[in-house]
């Protein structure tokens, strides 16, 4: 199932702080994510202690935090290096 992806203001702000090479990697992984958010290379999992927050890996250091808005819509909340998980 393909999902529509929307981005929060916080995500957009964090995204702009990434290196251009990191943004390119994100776009490549986004296509994969839209087709299958559970693809093994994304290492998607529910964030410990939360019933609604998920994280997916863009590479070994960059993570995306997101939620399901409904059956066809995902809201990307934040992106950054692994330490973004400490903000939760």
C-alpha atoms as a PDB file:
ATOM      1  CA  UNK A   1       0.000   0.000   0.000  1.00  0.00           C
ATOM      2  CA  UNK A   2       1.333   3.431  -0.931  1.00  0.00           C
ATOM      3  CA  UNK A   3       1.023   6.220   1.589  1.00  0.00           C
ATOM      4  CA  UNK A   4       0.731   9.933   1.101  1.00  0.00           C
ATOM      5  CA  UNK A   5       3.451  11.720   3.061  1.00  0.00           C
ATOM      6  CA  UNK A   6       3.130  15.161   4.630  1.00  0.00           C
ATOM      7  CA  UNK A   7       5.801  17.061   6.535  1.00  0.00           C
ATOM      8  CA  UNK A   8       5.474  19.089   9.733  1.00  0.00           C
ATOM      9  CA  UNK A   9       7.044  22.540  10.069  1.00  0.00           C
ATOM     10  CA  UNK A  10       9.533  21.036  12.520  1.00  0.00           C
ATOM     11  CA  UNK A  11      10.514  18.379   9.999  1.00  0.00           C
ATOM     12  CA  UNK A  12      11.068  20.991   7.284  1.00  0.00           C
ATOM     13  CA  UNK A  13      13.218  23.093   9.609  1.00  0.00           C
ATOM     14  CA  UNK A  14      15.341  20.090  10.643  1.00  0.00           C
ATOM     15  CA  UNK A  15      15.598  18.898   7.034  1.00  0.00           C
ATOM     16  CA  UNK A  16      17.178  22.184   5.966  1.00  0.00           C
ATOM     17  CA  UNK A  17      19.923  21.682   8.573  1.00  0.00           C
ATOM     18  CA  UNK A  18      21.053  18.431   6.949  1.00  0.00           C
ATOM     19  CA  UNK A  19      23.985  18.321   4.539  1.00  0.00           C
ATOM     20  CA  UNK A  20      22.974  18.256   0.866  1.00  0.00           C
ATOM     21  CA  UNK A  21      24.303  14.697   0.581  1.00  0.00           C
ATOM     22  CA  UNK A  22      22.091  13.652   3.521  1.00  0.00           C
ATOM     23  CA  UNK A  23      19.052  15.259   1.893  1.00  0.00           C
ATOM     24  CA  UNK A  24      19.738  13.299  -1.306  1.00  0.00           C
ATOM     25  CA  UNK A  25      19.893  10.047   0.674  1.00  0.00           C
ATOM     26  CA  UNK A  26      16.575  10.952   2.307  1.00  0.00           C
ATOM     27  CA  UNK A  27      14.875  11.445  -1.085  1.00  0.00           C
ATOM     28  CA  UNK A  28      16.163   8.081  -2.280  1.00  0.00           C
ATOM     29  CA  UNK A  29      14.844   6.361   0.849  1.00  0.00           C
ATOM     30  CA  UNK A  30      11.543   8.273   0.696  1.00  0.00           C
ATOM     31  CA  UNK A  31      10.583   6.439  -2.501  1.00  0.00           C
ATOM     32  CA  UNK A  32      11.224   3.155  -0.749  1.00  0.00           C
ATOM     33  CA  UNK A  33       9.320   4.335   2.341  1.00  0.00           C
ATOM     34  CA  UNK A  34       6.237   5.321   0.306  1.00  0.00           C
ATOM     35  CA  UNK A  35       6.097   1.865  -1.265  1.00  0.00           C
ATOM     36  CA  UNK A  36       6.870  -0.082   1.907  1.00  0.00           C
ATOM     37  CA  UNK A  37       7.472   1.678   5.228  1.00  0.00           C
ATOM     38  CA  UNK A  38       8.441  -1.727   6.684  1.00  0.00           C
ATOM     39  CA  UNK A  39      11.244  -2.393   4.195  1.00  0.00           C
ATOM     40  CA  UNK A  40      14.123  -4.049   6.095  1.00  0.00           C
ATOM     41  CA  UNK A  41      16.659  -1.380   5.103  1.00  0.00           C
ATOM     42  CA  UNK A  42      14.542   1.300   6.830  1.00  0.00           C
ATOM     43  CA  UNK A  43      14.637  -0.559  10.163  1.00  0.00           C
ATOM     44  CA  UNK A  44      11.218   0.896  11.048  1.00  0.00           C
ATOM     45  CA  UNK A  45      10.084   0.390  14.607  1.00  0.00           C
ATOM     46  CA  UNK A  46       7.762   1.890  17.163  1.00  0.00           C
ATOM     47  CA  UNK A  47       9.565   4.269  19.500  1.00  0.00           C
ATOM     48  CA  UNK A  48       9.896   2.693  22.929  1.00  0.00           C
ATOM     49  CA  UNK A  49       7.372   4.120  25.387  1.00  0.00           C
ATOM     50  CA  UNK A  50       5.035   5.471  22.681  1.00  0.00           C
ATOM     51  CA  UNK A  51       1.942   3.985  21.141  1.00  0.00           C
ATOM     52  CA  UNK A  52       1.914   6.259  18.082  1.00  0.00           C
ATOM     53  CA  UNK A  53       5.468   7.391  17.269  1.00  0.00           C
ATOM     54  CA  UNK A  54       7.641   5.468  14.839  1.00  0.00           C
ATOM     55  CA  UNK A  55      11.233   5.851  13.694  1.00  0.00           C
ATOM     56  CA  UNK A  56      12.849   4.808  10.445  1.00  0.00           C
ATOM     57  CA  UNK A  57      16.512   4.876   9.489  1.00  0.00           C
ATOM     58  CA  UNK A  58      17.685   6.841   6.496  1.00  0.00           C
ATOM     59  CA  UNK A  59      21.260   5.678   7.032  1.00  0.00           C
ATOM     60  CA  UNK A  60      23.245   4.577  10.073  1.00  0.00           C
ATOM     61  CA  UNK A  61      23.070   8.024  11.698  1.00  0.00           C
ATOM     62  CA  UNK A  62      19.938   9.742  10.346  1.00  0.00           C
ATOM     63  CA  UNK A  63      16.485   8.930  11.672  1.00  0.00           C
ATOM     64  CA  UNK A  64      12.987  10.084  10.783  1.00  0.00           C
ATOM     65  CA  UNK A  65      10.244  10.269  13.410  1.00  0.00           C
ATOM     66  CA  UNK A  66       6.715   9.899  12.074  1.00  0.00           C
ATOM     67  CA  UNK A  67       3.098   8.929  12.835  1.00  0.00           C
ATOM     68  CA  UNK A  68       0.149   7.497  10.954  1.00  0.00           C
ATOM     69  CA  UNK A  69      -2.491  10.207  10.505  1.00  0.00           C
ATOM     70  CA  UNK A  70      -4.943   7.716   8.990  1.00  0.00           C
ATOM     71  CA  UNK A  71      -4.926   4.596   6.811  1.00  0.00           C
ATOM     72  CA  UNK A  72      -3.346   6.404   3.852  1.00  0.00           C
ATOM     73  CA  UNK A  73      -1.478   9.351   5.372  1.00  0.00           C
ATOM     74  CA  UNK A  74       1.838   9.589   7.241  1.00  0.00           C
ATOM     75  CA  UNK A  75       3.066  12.749   8.967  1.00  0.00           C
ATOM     76  CA  UNK A  76       6.834  13.126   9.138  1.00  0.00           C
ATOM     77  CA  UNK A  77       7.534  14.920  12.433  1.00  0.00           C
ATOM     78  CA  UNK A  78      11.311  15.257  12.603  1.00  0.00           C
ATOM     79  CA  UNK A  79      14.536  14.202  10.930  1.00  0.00           C
ATOM     80  CA  UNK A  80      18.081  14.288  12.162  1.00  0.00           C
ATOM     81  CA  UNK A  81      20.957  12.391  13.578  1.00  0.00           C
ATOM     82  CA  UNK A  82      20.283   9.675  16.117  1.00  0.00           C
ATOM     83  CA  UNK A  83      20.147  12.200  18.974  1.00  0.00           C
ATOM     84  CA  UNK A  84      16.745  13.473  17.787  1.00  0.00           C
ATOM     85  CA  UNK A  85      15.289  10.579  19.739  1.00  0.00           C
ATOM     86  CA  UNK A  86      16.394  12.351  22.921  1.00  0.00           C
ATOM     87  CA  UNK A  87      13.974  15.214  22.148  1.00  0.00           C
ATOM     88  CA  UNK A  88      10.970  12.947  22.598  1.00  0.00           C
END
